Amino acid sequence: MVGATLGDRIGNNNFPPNEILKKGGGIFLNISEQLERDKKIKQEINKIKKIFKDFQKDKIKVLEGLINEAAFMKVLLEDARIDLHNFYATIFSSNETVN
């Protein structure tokens, strides 16, 4: 199995597509991608905090964890949506050339 790709190891269905693997696809982010994600999360946190700006400081402290999690999840879901769109676009464009 020398020189085999992940797609080759799991059968002929080529999942995930080798094009995605060659582009560095996967669950790990490089440093610039992680910094960009952190920046987006901080922006979301600030947007949510502006909504609650009139709340008392002690109530904001209680909400702090929820605000952070909501911002993180929003950014993560946006990234996942983009990744899924790109994944399916790759699958369908490669199927058109095969059929």
C-alpha atoms as a PDB file:
ATOM      1  CA  MET A   1       0.000   0.000   0.000  1.00  0.00           C
ATOM      2  CA  VAL A   2       2.975   2.290  -0.513  1.00  0.00           C
ATOM      3  CA  GLY A   3       1.884   5.546  -2.111  1.00  0.00           C
ATOM      4  CA  ALA A   4      -1.810   4.868  -1.518  1.00  0.00           C
ATOM      5  CA  THR A   5      -4.082   7.727  -0.610  1.00  0.00           C
ATOM      6  CA  LEU A   6      -6.826   7.691   1.974  1.00  0.00           C
ATOM      7  CA  GLY A   7      -9.400   7.365  -0.812  1.00  0.00           C
ATOM      8  CA  ASP A   8      -7.607   4.272  -2.114  1.00  0.00           C
ATOM      9  CA  ARG A   9      -7.572   2.615   1.301  1.00  0.00           C
ATOM     10  CA  ILE A  10     -11.310   2.756   1.829  1.00  0.00           C
ATOM     11  CA  GLY A  11     -12.407   1.448  -1.538  1.00  0.00           C
ATOM     12  CA  ASN A  12     -13.329   2.698  -4.951  1.00  0.00           C
ATOM     13  CA  ASN A  13     -15.847   5.259  -3.726  1.00  0.00           C
ATOM     14  CA  ASN A  14     -13.010   7.799  -3.254  1.00  0.00           C
ATOM     15  CA  PHE A  15     -14.323   9.260  -0.015  1.00  0.00           C
ATOM     16  CA  PRO A  16     -13.095  11.818   0.897  1.00  0.00           C
ATOM     17  CA  PRO A  17     -12.115  12.965  -2.584  1.00  0.00           C
ATOM     18  CA  ASN A  18      -8.389  13.063  -3.178  1.00  0.00           C
ATOM     19  CA  GLU A  19      -8.719  16.680  -4.347  1.00  0.00           C
ATOM     20  CA  ILE A  20      -9.825  17.693  -0.857  1.00  0.00           C
ATOM     21  CA  LEU A  21      -6.982  15.764   0.754  1.00  0.00           C
ATOM     22  CA  LYS A  22      -4.457  17.413  -1.573  1.00  0.00           C
ATOM     23  CA  LYS A  23      -5.761  20.851  -0.578  1.00  0.00           C
ATOM     24  CA  GLY A  24      -5.059  20.067   3.059  1.00  0.00           C
ATOM     25  CA  GLY A  25      -8.664  19.338   3.911  1.00  0.00           C
ATOM     26  CA  GLY A  26      -9.383  17.904   7.288  1.00  0.00           C
ATOM     27  CA  ILE A  27     -10.193  18.893  10.814  1.00  0.00           C
ATOM     28  CA  PHE A  28      -6.910  20.636  11.596  1.00  0.00           C
ATOM     29  CA  LEU A  29      -6.417  24.310  10.808  1.00  0.00           C
ATOM     30  CA  ASN A  30      -3.176  26.032  10.011  1.00  0.00           C
ATOM     31  CA  ILE A  31      -2.144  29.008  12.133  1.00  0.00           C
ATOM     32  CA  SER A  32      -3.581  31.691   9.854  1.00  0.00           C
ATOM     33  CA  GLU A  33      -6.921  29.862   9.637  1.00  0.00           C
ATOM     34  CA  GLN A  34      -7.060  29.527  13.424  1.00  0.00           C
ATOM     35  CA  LEU A  35      -6.238  33.223  13.868  1.00  0.00           C
ATOM     36  CA  GLU A  36      -8.966  34.136  11.382  1.00  0.00           C
ATOM     37  CA  ARG A  37     -11.468  31.912  13.218  1.00  0.00           C
ATOM     38  CA  ASP A  38     -10.489  33.477  16.565  1.00  0.00           C
ATOM     39  CA  LYS A  39     -10.976  36.938  15.077  1.00  0.00           C
ATOM     40  CA  LYS A  40     -14.465  35.993  13.836  1.00  0.00           C
ATOM     41  CA  ILE A  41     -15.360  34.567  17.255  1.00  0.00           C
ATOM     42  CA  LYS A  42     -14.260  37.770  18.991  1.00  0.00           C
ATOM     43  CA  GLN A  43     -16.350  39.809  16.546  1.00  0.00           C
ATOM     44  CA  GLU A  44     -19.389  37.645  17.300  1.00  0.00           C
ATOM     45  CA  ILE A  45     -18.806  37.983  21.040  1.00  0.00           C
ATOM     46  CA  ASN A  46     -18.737  41.769  20.669  1.00  0.00           C
ATOM     47  CA  LYS A  47     -21.956  41.731  18.603  1.00  0.00           C
ATOM     48  CA  ILE A  48     -23.760  39.691  21.260  1.00  0.00           C
ATOM     49  CA  LYS A  49     -22.400  41.809  24.119  1.00  0.00           C
ATOM     50  CA  LYS A  50     -23.753  44.944  22.410  1.00  0.00           C
ATOM     51  CA  ILE A  51     -27.212  43.396  22.582  1.00  0.00           C
ATOM     52  CA  PHE A  52     -26.846  42.978  26.348  1.00  0.00           C
ATOM     53  CA  LYS A  53     -25.041  46.286  26.990  1.00  0.00           C
ATOM     54  CA  ASP A  54     -27.885  47.583  29.189  1.00  0.00           C
ATOM     55  CA  PHE A  55     -27.840  44.528  31.465  1.00  0.00           C
ATOM     56  CA  GLN A  56     -26.318  44.768  34.923  1.00  0.00           C
ATOM     57  CA  LYS A  57     -22.668  43.700  35.149  1.00  0.00           C
ATOM     58  CA  ASP A  58     -23.411  40.776  37.482  1.00  0.00           C
ATOM     59  CA  LYS A  59     -25.989  39.400  35.033  1.00  0.00           C
ATOM     60  CA  ILE A  60     -23.545  39.770  32.155  1.00  0.00           C
ATOM     61  CA  LYS A  61     -21.037  37.645  34.113  1.00  0.00           C
ATOM     62  CA  VAL A  62     -23.633  34.878  34.312  1.00  0.00           C
ATOM     63  CA  LEU A  63     -24.211  35.091  30.561  1.00  0.00           C
ATOM     64  CA  GLU A  64     -20.500  35.270  29.679  1.00  0.00           C
ATOM     65  CA  GLY A  65     -20.076  31.533  29.119  1.00  0.00           C
ATOM     66  CA  LEU A  66     -23.222  31.299  27.025  1.00  0.00           C
ATOM     67  CA  ILE A  67     -22.170  34.289  24.938  1.00  0.00           C
ATOM     68  CA  ASN A  68     -18.764  32.731  24.270  1.00  0.00           C
ATOM     69  CA  GLU A  69     -20.281  29.368  23.335  1.00  0.00           C
ATOM     70  CA  ALA A  70     -22.899  30.966  21.069  1.00  0.00           C
ATOM     71  CA  ALA A  71     -20.227  32.970  19.239  1.00  0.00           C
ATOM     72  CA  PHE A  72     -17.999  29.907  18.868  1.00  0.00           C
ATOM     73  CA  MET A  73     -20.850  27.758  17.562  1.00  0.00           C
ATOM     74  CA  LYS A  74     -21.986  30.400  15.063  1.00  0.00           C
ATOM     75  CA  VAL A  75     -18.509  30.667  13.546  1.00  0.00           C
ATOM     76  CA  LEU A  76     -18.025  26.904  13.575  1.00  0.00           C
ATOM     77  CA  LEU A  77     -21.367  26.304  11.858  1.00  0.00           C
ATOM     78  CA  GLU A  78     -20.621  28.935   9.213  1.00  0.00           C
ATOM     79  CA  ASP A  79     -17.304  27.227   8.473  1.00  0.00           C
ATOM     80  CA  ALA A  80     -18.973  23.807   8.373  1.00  0.00           C
ATOM     81  CA  ARG A  81     -21.616  25.106   5.961  1.00  0.00           C
ATOM     82  CA  ILE A  82     -18.903  26.411   3.622  1.00  0.00           C
ATOM     83  CA  ASP A  83     -16.937  23.154   3.881  1.00  0.00           C
ATOM     84  CA  LEU A  84     -20.025  21.087   3.077  1.00  0.00           C
ATOM     85  CA  HIS A  85     -20.865  23.280   0.117  1.00  0.00           C
ATOM     86  CA  ASN A  86     -17.312  22.917  -1.239  1.00  0.00           C
ATOM     87  CA  PHE A  87     -17.333  19.172  -0.563  1.00  0.00           C
ATOM     88  CA  TYR A  88     -20.575  18.593  -2.461  1.00  0.00           C
ATOM     89  CA  ALA A  89     -19.478  20.896  -5.267  1.00  0.00           C
ATOM     90  CA  THR A  90     -16.319  18.790  -5.616  1.00  0.00           C
ATOM     91  CA  ILE A  91     -18.283  15.530  -5.537  1.00  0.00           C
ATOM     92  CA  PHE A  92     -20.829  16.648  -8.114  1.00  0.00           C
ATOM     93  CA  SER A  93     -18.275  18.231 -10.428  1.00  0.00           C
ATOM     94  CA  SER A  94     -16.147  15.050 -10.355  1.00  0.00           C
ATOM     95  CA  ASN A  95     -19.230  12.876 -10.992  1.00  0.00           C
ATOM     96  CA  GLU A  96     -20.150  14.924 -14.061  1.00  0.00           C
ATOM     97  CA  THR A  97     -16.767  14.165 -15.638  1.00  0.00           C
ATOM     98  CA  VAL A  98     -17.016  10.444 -14.802  1.00  0.00           C
ATOM     99  CA  ASN A  99     -20.531   9.892 -16.145  1.00  0.00           C
END
